[in-house]
Amino acid sequence: MRDEREARAGVTVSGWTTRRWLRVGVGATLAVLAVLGGLGTWSMARASDLTSQVVDTNSPALISAVRLEAALVNQETGVRGYGLAGQRDFLAPYDQGVADEKAALSRLRPLIRDDETARKDLADVERLADQWQRRIAHPVAAAPAGSAVPLATERADEGKRTFDSLRSALDRQQTHLQDSREAASEDLARAITLRNWVFTAIALSILVVAALIFEGLRRGVTAPLTRIATSAREVAKGRFDRPIAAEGPADLRRLGMDVEEMRRRLVAELAHTERSRQQLDEQAADLRRSNAELEQFAYVASHDLQEPLRKVSSFTQLLQRRYGEQLDERADQYIAFAVDGANRMQVLINDLLAFSRVGRVHNESREVDLEALVERTLGTLSMAAEETGAEITHDPLPTVLGDTTQLGMLWQNLLSNALKFHSPERPPRIHIEARQDGDTWHFAVRDNGIGIAPEFRDKVFVIFQRLHTKDAYPGTGIGLAMCKKVVEFHGGTIGIDPEHGPGTRVVFTLPALRAAEPDTTEEPSA
């Protein structure tokens, strides 16, 4: 089904959905960042190693070599001064030089253990220093003051040659250490430069990736979604002929085609609705013509039909009064039948007219005080209540929004039925219930009369539906049908409580009066 819509829309849908594009994009971005991060880590580690080599190895080694040279020079100065003057005080630089030599060697050896050239240089220095000390320094320093001068004079040339060789070895050592430090410093400078370039490349790559992601999301996601949303808003405004664009990744294209399919269904539904509306307009016109005919019929029934009935009834009664003594008993019976039939026909026509006027003639919506309305109704039914010994009570009744005449007919029919269909075995006991539930008032008229059989509880609201003969209970069978029409016109419901007994309990609802409702001009809420 989806493939058919895609082919119909002329769209070649690839398997690359938004999620897949995001996965590939994020994966490529992470791979690039991982490579750049590895290069950055390596460059930082290299720069750190070279910095440690320069700071912790090369520079301290060169400093220790210089201190070693200074220590040996101090020894040579002390020995030469003692050899010339023969005074023991001149050996103080020699003694300090011996101690400084030991300290310098102890620091220098660990620093150059990984540098073969520096180890060879140190070995030459130590060999020549040991040779000089063994042949010149130690003998002269150990000789007594009187013997030191001749010994120093005797070995002066040898001492000079040996110490010059030592100086040359010290110079070579320091030159090699200096070159090593400079080489390490150059490597460090190159490593720092490489590190800076790597981090610059990382920053530029991040910016490029962010720009590519933004542009990709704009072109692949936000722009198609924006176009779909724009087209959908145009359709929502009523431009149902505008097709929905299907662009972008596969899932967004499918979304666009789904929305397009929905638009097409809406267009079809609107076309069907328009045809239905036209049919409803035609039916409404037919109903208006039918209502006009019914109103004309009501006028005819209220004037043209009742006038002949009144003549029949009047002249039949006149015939009975004038010629009653000349007619036999059967003729009197026939005349009585005719008069009764004419009277019942007139009552039936009047009830039918009243039923047809509900919601059409009486339709003045206003606040109705049901407490006062029920009291007036009870006053009208006071004779019937007194004759039957009825006891009628009611809960506190509210004020509702409706038509006073129609609600009066509602209470008139319900209470008169409760009195009419009372049980001969007990006096009528009638109670009106009222309770509010949210925006709805629930009413009930409860009696202890003869009740209604379960199979007739729905039929009693049908017009002209009678459960008893007119001889047993008078009436036209239109009362409860009128009650149903009045309640439904006011937006409520009505029915018979199937669990109540003995007697009947008619329940119905009416909308509650809202606090902000105007007094008389608003229509009742349905």
Protein backbone atom coordinates (compact mmCIF):
# COMPACT_ATOMS: atom_id res chain seq x y z
CA MET A 1 0.00 0.00 0.00
CA ARG A 2 2.79 2.43 0.93
CA ASP A 3 4.81 1.45 -2.15
CA GLU A 4 1.78 2.17 -4.31
CA ARG A 5 1.46 5.66 -2.79
CA GLU A 6 5.18 6.25 -3.31
CA ALA A 7 4.95 5.20 -6.96
CA ARG A 8 1.84 7.34 -7.40
CA ALA A 9 3.66 10.31 -5.90
CA GLY A 10 6.58 9.79 -8.28
CA VAL A 11 9.11 9.48 -5.44
CA THR A 12 12.00 7.03 -5.37
CA VAL A 13 12.37 6.17 -1.72
CA SER A 14 15.83 4.99 -0.66
CA GLY A 15 16.44 2.98 2.46
CA TRP A 16 18.18 5.92 4.11
CA THR A 17 15.86 7.20 6.78
CA THR A 18 16.56 10.14 9.06
CA ARG A 19 17.78 7.77 11.75
CA ARG A 20 20.20 6.11 9.33
CA TRP A 21 21.51 9.45 8.09
CA LEU A 22 22.03 10.51 11.69
CA ARG A 23 23.77 7.25 12.54
CA VAL A 24 26.13 7.51 9.57
CA GLY A 25 26.77 11.21 10.20
CA VAL A 26 27.40 10.73 13.89
CA GLY A 27 29.61 7.68 13.19
CA ALA A 28 31.71 9.57 10.63
CA THR A 29 31.97 12.55 12.95
CA LEU A 30 33.05 10.37 15.84
CA ALA A 31 35.62 8.62 13.62
CA VAL A 32 37.11 11.93 12.49
CA LEU A 33 37.12 13.27 16.04
CA ALA A 34 38.69 10.03 17.28
CA VAL A 35 41.54 10.29 14.74
CA LEU A 36 42.08 13.95 15.53
CA GLY A 37 41.83 13.23 19.24
CA GLY A 38 44.44 10.49 18.87
CA LEU A 39 46.76 12.85 17.03
CA GLY A 40 46.18 15.50 19.68
CA THR A 41 46.89 13.04 22.46
CA TRP A 42 50.05 11.83 20.74
CA SER A 43 51.28 15.38 20.11
CA MET A 44 50.58 16.36 23.72
CA ALA A 45 52.35 13.25 25.01
CA ARG A 46 55.35 13.87 22.76
CA ALA A 47 55.57 17.52 23.79
CA SER A 48 55.29 16.47 27.42
CA ASP A 49 58.04 13.84 27.02
CA LEU A 50 60.39 16.28 25.30
CA THR A 51 59.66 18.91 27.93
CA SER A 52 60.49 16.40 30.65
CA GLN A 53 63.68 15.42 28.83
CA VAL A 54 64.82 19.04 28.52
CA VAL A 55 63.76 20.11 32.01
CA ASP A 56 64.48 16.93 33.97
CA THR A 57 67.43 15.44 32.05
CA ASN A 58 69.37 17.60 29.57
CA SER A 59 69.47 20.85 31.52
CA PRO A 60 70.28 19.20 34.90
CA ALA A 61 72.97 17.07 33.18
CA LEU A 62 74.60 20.14 31.65
CA ILE A 63 74.44 21.97 34.99
CA SER A 64 75.97 18.98 36.77
CA ALA A 65 78.77 18.82 34.15
CA VAL A 66 79.50 22.51 34.68
CA ARG A 67 79.55 21.96 38.47
CA LEU A 68 81.88 18.96 37.97
CA GLU A 69 84.26 21.18 35.99
CA ALA A 70 84.08 23.86 38.68
CA ALA A 71 84.83 21.26 41.36
CA LEU A 72 87.92 20.00 39.46
CA VAL A 73 89.07 23.57 38.79
CA ASN A 74 88.77 24.30 42.53
CA GLN A 75 90.89 21.22 43.26
CA GLU A 76 93.54 22.31 40.76
CA THR A 77 93.55 25.85 42.19
CA GLY A 78 93.92 24.59 45.77
CA VAL A 79 96.71 22.11 44.89
CA ARG A 80 98.58 24.66 42.78
CA GLY A 81 98.36 27.31 45.57
CA TYR A 82 99.57 24.83 48.19
CA GLY A 83 102.41 23.75 45.88
CA LEU A 84 103.53 27.31 45.39
CA ALA A 85 103.17 28.69 48.95
CA GLY A 86 103.38 25.57 51.09
CA GLN A 87 100.56 26.80 53.35
CA ARG A 88 97.81 24.36 54.40
CA ASP A 89 95.12 27.07 54.19
CA PHE A 90 95.46 27.05 50.40
CA LEU A 91 94.06 23.47 50.35
CA ALA A 92 90.54 24.68 51.36
CA PRO A 93 89.37 25.01 47.70
CA TYR A 94 90.81 21.52 47.06
CA ASP A 95 88.84 19.98 49.91
CA GLN A 96 85.62 21.75 48.82
CA GLY A 97 86.26 20.68 45.22
CA VAL A 98 86.57 17.01 46.22
CA ALA A 99 83.18 17.15 47.97
CA ASP A 100 81.57 19.06 45.08
CA GLU A 101 83.04 16.51 42.61
CA LYS A 102 81.39 13.63 44.44
CA ALA A 103 78.04 15.47 44.57
CA ALA A 104 78.20 16.42 40.87
CA LEU A 105 79.06 12.84 39.82
CA SER A 106 76.24 11.39 41.94
CA ARG A 107 73.75 13.71 40.16
CA LEU A 108 75.23 13.33 36.67
CA ARG A 109 75.46 9.54 36.38
CA PRO A 110 71.67 8.80 36.60
CA LEU A 111 70.89 11.63 34.17
CA ILE A 112 73.10 10.25 31.34
CA ARG A 113 72.57 6.51 31.78
CA ASP A 114 70.50 6.41 28.54
CA ASP A 115 72.98 8.59 26.55
CA GLU A 116 75.94 6.48 25.31
CA THR A 117 78.00 9.48 24.13
CA ALA A 118 77.57 11.24 27.47
CA ARG A 119 78.61 8.06 29.29
CA LYS A 120 81.80 7.82 27.20
CA ASP A 121 82.55 11.51 27.83
CA LEU A 122 82.03 11.03 31.57
CA ALA A 123 84.29 7.95 31.51
CA ASP A 124 87.08 9.96 29.83
CA VAL A 125 86.62 12.76 32.36
CA GLU A 126 86.72 10.37 35.30
CA ARG A 127 89.77 8.54 33.86
CA LEU A 128 91.73 11.75 33.31
CA ALA A 129 90.58 13.22 36.65
CA ASP A 130 91.66 10.05 38.43
CA GLN A 131 95.01 10.15 36.64
CA TRP A 132 95.58 13.79 37.59
CA GLN A 133 94.48 13.27 41.17
CA ARG A 134 96.56 10.14 41.57
CA ARG A 135 99.74 11.65 40.06
CA ILE A 136 99.47 15.26 41.11
CA ALA A 137 96.64 16.31 43.44
CA HIS A 138 96.71 13.57 46.08
CA PRO A 139 100.55 13.46 46.45
CA VAL A 140 100.90 17.23 46.68
CA ALA A 141 97.93 17.58 49.08
CA ALA A 142 99.24 14.76 51.25
CA ALA A 143 102.84 16.08 51.39
CA PRO A 144 103.97 18.13 54.43
CA ALA A 145 104.27 21.85 54.04
CA GLY A 146 108.05 21.71 53.54
CA SER A 147 107.91 18.94 50.90
CA ALA A 148 104.89 20.13 48.94
CA VAL A 149 106.69 22.91 47.05
CA PRO A 150 109.53 20.77 45.63
CA LEU A 151 107.09 18.01 44.68
CA ALA A 152 104.74 20.47 42.99
CA THR A 153 107.65 22.04 41.14
CA GLU A 154 108.89 18.65 40.03
CA ARG A 155 105.54 17.57 38.65
CA ALA A 156 104.35 20.94 37.37
CA ASP A 157 104.72 20.13 33.67
CA GLU A 158 103.09 16.72 34.01
CA GLY A 159 100.28 18.22 36.03
CA LYS A 160 99.69 20.93 33.44
CA ARG A 161 99.51 18.44 30.56
CA THR A 162 97.23 16.10 32.46
CA PHE A 163 94.84 18.84 33.62
CA ASP A 164 94.76 20.37 30.11
CA SER A 165 93.68 16.98 28.80
CA LEU A 166 91.05 16.90 31.57
CA ARG A 167 89.84 20.37 30.59
CA SER A 168 89.52 19.25 26.95
CA ALA A 169 87.51 16.20 28.07
CA LEU A 170 85.27 18.46 30.20
CA ASP A 171 84.74 20.80 27.24
CA ARG A 172 83.83 17.90 24.98
CA GLN A 173 81.43 16.60 27.59
CA GLN A 174 79.72 19.97 28.02
CA THR A 175 79.63 20.53 24.26
CA HIS A 176 77.92 17.18 23.72
CA LEU A 177 75.46 17.85 26.56
CA GLN A 178 74.76 21.34 25.18
CA ASP A 179 74.17 19.92 21.70
CA SER A 180 71.90 17.26 23.16
CA ARG A 181 69.88 19.87 25.06
CA GLU A 182 69.61 22.11 21.99
CA ALA A 183 68.50 19.17 19.87
CA ALA A 184 65.89 18.25 22.49
CA SER A 185 64.79 21.89 22.63
CA GLU A 186 64.39 21.96 18.87
CA ASP A 187 62.41 18.72 18.99
CA LEU A 188 60.27 20.25 21.75
CA ALA A 189 59.65 23.37 19.68
CA ARG A 190 58.65 21.24 16.69
CA ALA A 191 56.42 19.09 18.92
CA ILE A 192 54.74 22.19 20.35
CA THR A 193 54.22 23.53 16.84
CA LEU A 194 52.78 20.20 15.73
CA ARG A 195 50.54 20.10 18.81
CA ASN A 196 49.25 23.59 18.06
CA TRP A 197 48.55 22.69 14.45
CA VAL A 198 46.80 19.49 15.50
CA PHE A 199 44.56 21.33 17.95
CA THR A 200 43.89 24.02 15.36
CA ALA A 201 42.91 21.29 12.92
CA ILE A 202 40.68 19.73 15.60
CA ALA A 203 38.97 23.06 16.24
CA LEU A 204 38.51 23.69 12.50
CA SER A 205 37.25 20.13 12.01
CA ILE A 206 34.73 20.58 14.81
CA LEU A 207 33.53 23.81 13.23
CA VAL A 208 33.31 22.18 9.78
CA VAL A 209 31.50 19.13 11.20
CA ALA A 210 29.09 21.36 13.12
CA ALA A 211 28.41 23.38 9.97
CA LEU A 212 27.91 20.20 7.94
CA ILE A 213 25.58 18.75 10.58
CA PHE A 214 23.60 21.98 10.74
CA GLU A 215 23.34 22.22 6.96
CA GLY A 216 22.51 18.53 6.67
CA LEU A 217 19.78 18.78 9.29
CA ARG A 218 18.47 21.93 7.62
CA ARG A 219 18.32 20.40 4.17
CA GLY A 220 17.45 16.86 5.15
CA VAL A 221 15.11 17.36 8.13
CA THR A 222 14.01 20.87 9.04
CA ALA A 223 13.47 22.14 5.48
CA PRO A 224 11.29 19.14 4.41
CA LEU A 225 9.42 19.28 7.71
CA THR A 226 8.89 23.02 7.27
CA ARG A 227 7.53 22.50 3.76
CA ILE A 228 5.25 19.69 4.97
CA ALA A 229 4.05 21.88 7.88
CA THR A 230 3.48 24.86 5.55
CA SER A 231 1.47 22.74 3.14
CA ALA A 232 -0.49 21.21 6.04
CA ARG A 233 -1.31 24.69 7.40
CA GLU A 234 -2.49 25.75 3.94
CA VAL A 235 -4.74 22.69 3.86
CA ALA A 236 -5.94 23.50 7.40
CA LYS A 237 -6.88 26.99 6.17
CA GLY A 238 -9.12 25.46 3.52
CA ARG A 239 -6.84 25.12 0.48
CA PHE A 240 -7.58 21.43 0.05
CA ASP A 241 -6.39 21.46 -3.56
CA ARG A 242 -2.76 22.06 -2.55
CA PRO A 243 -0.74 18.81 -2.59
CA ILE A 244 1.62 17.95 0.25
CA ALA A 245 5.33 17.85 -0.67
CA ALA A 246 7.12 14.52 -0.08
CA GLU A 247 10.83 15.34 0.26
CA GLY A 248 13.85 14.52 2.39
CA PRO A 249 14.85 11.15 3.86
CA ALA A 250 12.68 8.08 3.40
CA ASP A 251 10.73 8.41 6.65
CA LEU A 252 9.97 12.10 6.02
CA ARG A 253 8.85 11.27 2.50
CA ARG A 254 6.58 8.58 3.87
CA LEU A 255 5.26 11.12 6.39
CA GLY A 256 4.58 13.57 3.56
CA MET A 257 2.79 10.87 1.58
CA ASP A 258 0.74 9.89 4.63
CA VAL A 259 -0.30 13.52 5.08
CA GLU A 260 -1.03 13.74 1.34
CA GLU A 261 -3.16 10.60 1.60
CA MET A 262 -4.99 12.17 4.54
CA ARG A 263 -5.54 15.34 2.47
CA ARG A 264 -6.99 13.29 -0.37
CA ARG A 265 -9.29 11.49 2.03
CA LEU A 266 -10.34 14.83 3.45
CA VAL A 267 -11.07 16.09 -0.05
CA ALA A 268 -13.14 12.97 -0.71
CA GLU A 269 -14.90 13.30 2.65
CA LEU A 270 -15.59 16.98 1.99
CA ALA A 271 -17.01 16.15 -1.41
CA HIS A 272 -19.19 13.51 0.19
CA THR A 273 -20.12 15.96 2.96
CA GLU A 274 -21.01 18.60 0.38
CA ARG A 275 -23.26 16.13 -1.41
CA SER A 276 -24.79 15.16 1.94
CA ARG A 277 -25.26 18.84 2.80
CA GLN A 278 -27.04 19.43 -0.47
CA GLN A 279 -29.27 16.47 0.27
CA LEU A 280 -29.89 17.81 3.78
CA ASP A 281 -30.72 21.22 2.32
CA GLU A 282 -33.20 19.56 0.02
CA GLN A 283 -34.63 17.58 2.93
CA ALA A 284 -34.72 20.75 5.06
CA ALA A 285 -36.66 22.47 2.29
CA ASP A 286 -39.03 19.51 2.20
CA LEU A 287 -39.35 19.70 5.99
CA ARG A 288 -40.08 23.41 5.81
CA ARG A 289 -42.79 22.74 3.24
CA SER A 290 -44.09 19.90 5.42
CA ASN A 291 -44.07 22.15 8.52
CA ALA A 292 -45.92 24.82 6.58
CA GLU A 293 -48.48 22.22 5.59
CA LEU A 294 -48.69 21.05 9.22
CA GLU A 295 -49.21 24.61 10.40
CA GLN A 296 -51.92 24.99 7.81
CA PHE A 297 -53.42 21.73 9.03
CA ALA A 298 -53.25 22.99 12.63
CA TYR A 299 -55.09 26.12 11.58
CA VAL A 300 -57.69 24.05 9.77
CA ALA A 301 -57.99 21.69 12.75
CA SER A 302 -58.40 24.55 15.20
CA HIS A 303 -61.01 26.36 13.13
CA ASP A 304 -62.54 24.42 10.27
CA LEU A 305 -62.70 20.98 11.99
CA GLN A 306 -63.83 22.16 15.42
CA GLU A 307 -66.66 24.29 14.03
CA PRO A 308 -68.50 21.30 12.45
CA LEU A 309 -67.89 19.29 15.63
CA ARG A 310 -69.42 22.03 17.74
CA LYS A 311 -72.44 22.13 15.41
CA VAL A 312 -72.85 18.36 15.56
CA SER A 313 -72.59 18.37 19.34
CA SER A 314 -74.85 21.44 19.77
CA PHE A 315 -77.60 20.31 17.37
CA THR A 316 -77.49 16.75 18.70
CA GLN A 317 -77.97 18.04 22.25
CA LEU A 318 -80.71 20.40 21.00
CA LEU A 319 -82.38 17.47 19.26
CA GLN A 320 -82.26 15.50 22.51
CA ARG A 321 -83.78 18.33 24.57
CA ARG A 322 -86.58 19.13 22.07
CA TYR A 323 -87.58 15.65 21.01
CA GLY A 324 -86.35 13.62 23.96
CA GLU A 325 -89.86 12.67 25.10
CA GLN A 326 -90.86 11.57 21.57
CA LEU A 327 -87.88 9.22 21.07
CA ASP A 328 -87.41 5.80 22.54
CA GLU A 329 -84.64 4.73 24.83
CA ARG A 330 -82.44 3.42 21.99
CA ALA A 331 -82.65 6.76 20.17
CA ASP A 332 -81.60 8.56 23.36
CA GLN A 333 -78.67 6.18 23.59
CA TYR A 334 -77.64 6.90 19.99
CA ILE A 335 -77.84 10.64 20.59
CA ALA A 336 -75.68 10.27 23.72
CA PHE A 337 -73.12 8.29 21.69
CA ALA A 338 -72.99 11.02 19.06
CA VAL A 339 -72.55 13.79 21.63
CA ASP A 340 -69.83 11.86 23.45
CA GLY A 341 -67.97 11.10 20.21
CA ALA A 342 -68.09 14.75 19.14
CA ASN A 343 -66.81 15.90 22.55
CA ARG A 344 -63.99 13.34 22.55
CA MET A 345 -63.05 14.31 19.01
CA GLN A 346 -62.86 17.95 20.10
CA VAL A 347 -60.66 17.04 23.12
CA LEU A 348 -58.42 14.92 20.89
CA ILE A 349 -57.99 17.77 18.41
CA ASN A 350 -57.18 20.22 21.19
CA ASP A 351 -54.56 17.82 22.66
CA LEU A 352 -53.07 17.26 19.23
CA LEU A 353 -52.83 21.01 18.70
CA ALA A 354 -51.15 21.43 22.09
CA PHE A 355 -48.65 18.67 21.21
CA SER A 356 -47.79 20.31 17.89
CA ARG A 357 -47.22 23.70 19.56
CA VAL A 358 -44.44 22.37 21.86
CA GLY A 359 -41.23 24.05 20.76
CA ARG A 360 -43.00 25.96 17.98
CA VAL A 361 -45.52 28.33 19.50
CA HIS A 362 -44.41 28.40 23.15
CA ASN A 363 -40.68 29.05 23.02
CA GLU A 364 -39.85 31.90 25.40
CA SER A 365 -36.71 30.96 27.31
CA ARG A 366 -36.47 32.54 30.76
CA GLU A 367 -35.74 31.70 34.36
CA VAL A 368 -38.56 29.54 35.74
CA ASP A 369 -39.06 29.07 39.47
CA LEU A 370 -40.16 25.42 39.64
CA GLU A 371 -41.16 25.84 43.29
CA ALA A 372 -43.82 28.42 42.34
CA LEU A 373 -44.76 26.57 39.16
CA VAL A 374 -45.41 23.30 41.00
CA GLU A 375 -47.44 25.13 43.65
CA ARG A 376 -49.68 26.62 40.94
CA THR A 377 -50.05 23.20 39.34
CA LEU A 378 -51.01 21.66 42.69
CA GLY A 379 -53.56 24.42 43.13
CA THR A 380 -55.10 23.48 39.76
CA LEU A 381 -55.22 19.81 40.79
CA SER A 382 -56.45 20.50 44.33
CA MET A 383 -59.99 19.16 43.71
CA ALA A 384 -58.70 15.89 42.24
CA ALA A 385 -56.23 15.54 45.10
CA GLU A 386 -58.98 16.20 47.65
CA GLU A 387 -61.35 13.68 46.05
CA THR A 388 -58.74 10.91 46.08
CA GLY A 389 -57.27 11.79 49.48
CA ALA A 390 -53.87 12.29 47.91
CA GLU A 391 -50.82 13.45 49.81
CA ILE A 392 -48.37 15.34 47.59
CA THR A 393 -44.91 16.40 48.84
CA HIS A 394 -41.78 17.60 47.15
CA ASP A 395 -38.11 18.39 47.75
CA PRO A 396 -36.90 21.99 47.47
CA LEU A 397 -37.16 22.80 43.77
CA PRO A 398 -34.66 24.95 41.83
CA THR A 399 -34.91 27.68 39.25
CA VAL A 400 -34.16 26.52 35.71
CA LEU A 401 -34.00 28.09 32.26
CA GLY A 402 -36.94 27.20 30.03
CA ASP A 403 -40.42 28.00 28.77
CA THR A 404 -42.95 28.53 31.55
CA THR A 405 -45.94 27.23 29.55
CA GLN A 406 -44.20 24.04 28.44
CA LEU A 407 -42.79 23.26 31.90
CA GLY A 408 -46.27 23.90 33.31
CA MET A 409 -47.72 21.30 30.91
CA LEU A 410 -44.93 18.89 31.98
CA TRP A 411 -45.80 19.09 35.69
CA GLN A 412 -49.55 19.16 34.93
CA ASN A 413 -49.38 15.88 33.00
CA LEU A 414 -47.04 14.08 35.40
CA LEU A 415 -49.00 14.99 38.54
CA SER A 416 -52.44 14.44 36.95
CA ASN A 417 -51.31 10.98 35.77
CA ALA A 418 -50.12 10.16 39.29
CA LEU A 419 -53.56 11.13 40.61
CA LYS A 420 -55.50 9.51 37.79
CA PHE A 421 -53.80 6.10 37.94
CA HIS A 422 -53.94 5.69 41.72
CA SER A 423 -54.64 2.33 43.31
CA PRO A 424 -58.18 1.81 44.62
CA GLU A 425 -56.73 -0.06 47.59
CA ARG A 426 -54.78 2.88 49.05
CA PRO A 427 -54.79 6.67 48.94
CA PRO A 428 -52.28 8.28 46.57
CA ARG A 429 -48.90 9.20 47.98
CA ILE A 430 -46.96 11.37 45.53
CA HIS A 431 -43.46 12.81 46.05
CA ILE A 432 -41.35 15.01 43.78
CA GLU A 433 -37.60 14.43 44.05
CA ALA A 434 -34.91 16.90 42.97
CA ARG A 435 -31.12 16.68 43.15
CA GLN A 436 -28.31 18.39 41.25
CA ASP A 437 -25.40 16.56 39.64
CA GLY A 438 -22.95 19.00 38.06
CA ASP A 439 -24.70 20.92 35.29
CA THR A 440 -27.83 18.75 35.42
CA TRP A 441 -30.89 18.59 37.66
CA HIS A 442 -32.38 15.11 38.18
CA PHE A 443 -36.12 15.04 38.95
CA ALA A 444 -38.51 12.22 39.74
CA VAL A 445 -42.27 12.01 40.30
CA ARG A 446 -42.90 8.98 42.52
CA ASP A 447 -46.34 7.52 43.33
CA ASN A 448 -47.84 4.35 44.81
CA GLY A 449 -50.47 3.81 42.12
CA ILE A 450 -51.20 0.89 39.81
CA GLY A 451 -47.80 1.14 38.10
CA ILE A 452 -46.76 0.31 34.56
CA ALA A 453 -45.95 -3.19 33.34
CA PRO A 454 -42.31 -3.64 32.21
CA GLU A 455 -43.28 -4.34 28.60
CA PHE A 456 -45.08 -0.97 28.37
CA ARG A 457 -42.44 1.31 29.95
CA ASP A 458 -41.19 2.49 26.57
CA LYS A 459 -44.54 2.52 24.79
CA VAL A 460 -46.18 4.95 27.20
CA PHE A 461 -44.17 7.81 25.65
CA VAL A 462 -45.58 7.10 22.18
CA ILE A 463 -48.38 9.44 21.11
CA PHE A 464 -51.93 8.04 21.46
CA GLN A 465 -50.56 4.96 23.22
CA ARG A 466 -53.15 3.87 25.82
CA LEU A 467 -52.81 1.00 28.29
CA HIS A 468 -56.45 1.13 29.46
CA THR A 469 -59.83 1.70 27.90
CA LYS A 470 -61.40 5.14 27.95
CA ASP A 471 -64.14 3.79 30.21
CA ALA A 472 -61.60 2.77 32.88
CA TYR A 473 -59.40 5.87 32.66
CA PRO A 474 -60.37 8.90 30.58
CA GLY A 475 -57.84 10.67 28.34
CA THR A 476 -56.37 10.69 24.85
CA GLY A 477 -53.02 8.95 25.51
CA ILE A 478 -50.99 12.00 24.60
CA GLY A 479 -49.88 13.22 28.06
CA LEU A 480 -46.57 11.34 28.47
CA ALA A 481 -45.71 11.85 24.79
CA MET A 482 -46.08 15.59 25.40
CA CYS A 483 -43.91 15.30 28.54
CA LYS A 484 -41.20 13.55 26.50
CA LYS A 485 -41.33 16.25 23.83
CA VAL A 486 -41.10 19.06 26.42
CA VAL A 487 -38.16 17.47 28.28
CA GLU A 488 -36.21 16.73 25.10
CA PHE A 489 -36.87 20.26 23.81
CA HIS A 490 -35.22 21.57 26.99
CA GLY A 491 -32.20 19.31 26.48
CA GLY A 492 -33.11 16.58 28.98
CA THR A 493 -34.14 12.93 29.02
CA ILE A 494 -37.14 11.12 30.50
CA GLY A 495 -37.94 7.51 31.37
CA ILE A 496 -39.58 5.08 33.80
CA ASP A 497 -37.60 3.72 36.76
CA PRO A 498 -37.76 -0.09 36.31
CA GLU A 499 -36.78 -0.83 39.94
CA HIS A 500 -39.49 1.23 41.65
CA GLY A 501 -42.57 -0.47 43.08
CA PRO A 502 -45.35 -0.48 43.87
CA GLY A 503 -46.48 2.39 41.68
CA THR A 504 -44.59 4.42 39.10
CA ARG A 505 -41.50 6.58 39.25
CA VAL A 506 -41.03 8.90 36.28
CA VAL A 507 -37.48 10.29 36.12
CA PHE A 508 -36.29 13.14 33.91
CA THR A 509 -33.47 15.68 33.71
CA LEU A 510 -33.18 19.40 32.97
CA PRO A 511 -30.04 21.53 32.52
CA ALA A 512 -29.00 23.51 35.59
CA LEU A 513 -29.12 27.30 35.45
CA ARG A 514 -25.68 28.80 34.90
CA ALA A 515 -24.60 31.69 37.09
CA ALA A 516 -23.67 33.89 34.12
CA GLU A 517 -26.83 33.20 32.11
CA PRO A 518 -28.86 36.29 31.12
CA ASP A 519 -32.36 36.54 32.43
CA THR A 520 -34.67 36.09 29.47
CA THR A 521 -32.98 36.38 26.09
CA GLU A 522 -30.62 33.39 25.90
CA GLU A 523 -31.64 30.06 24.42
CA PRO A 524 -31.61 27.15 26.90
CA SER A 525 -28.43 25.10 26.71
CA ALA A 526 -28.89 21.67 25.26
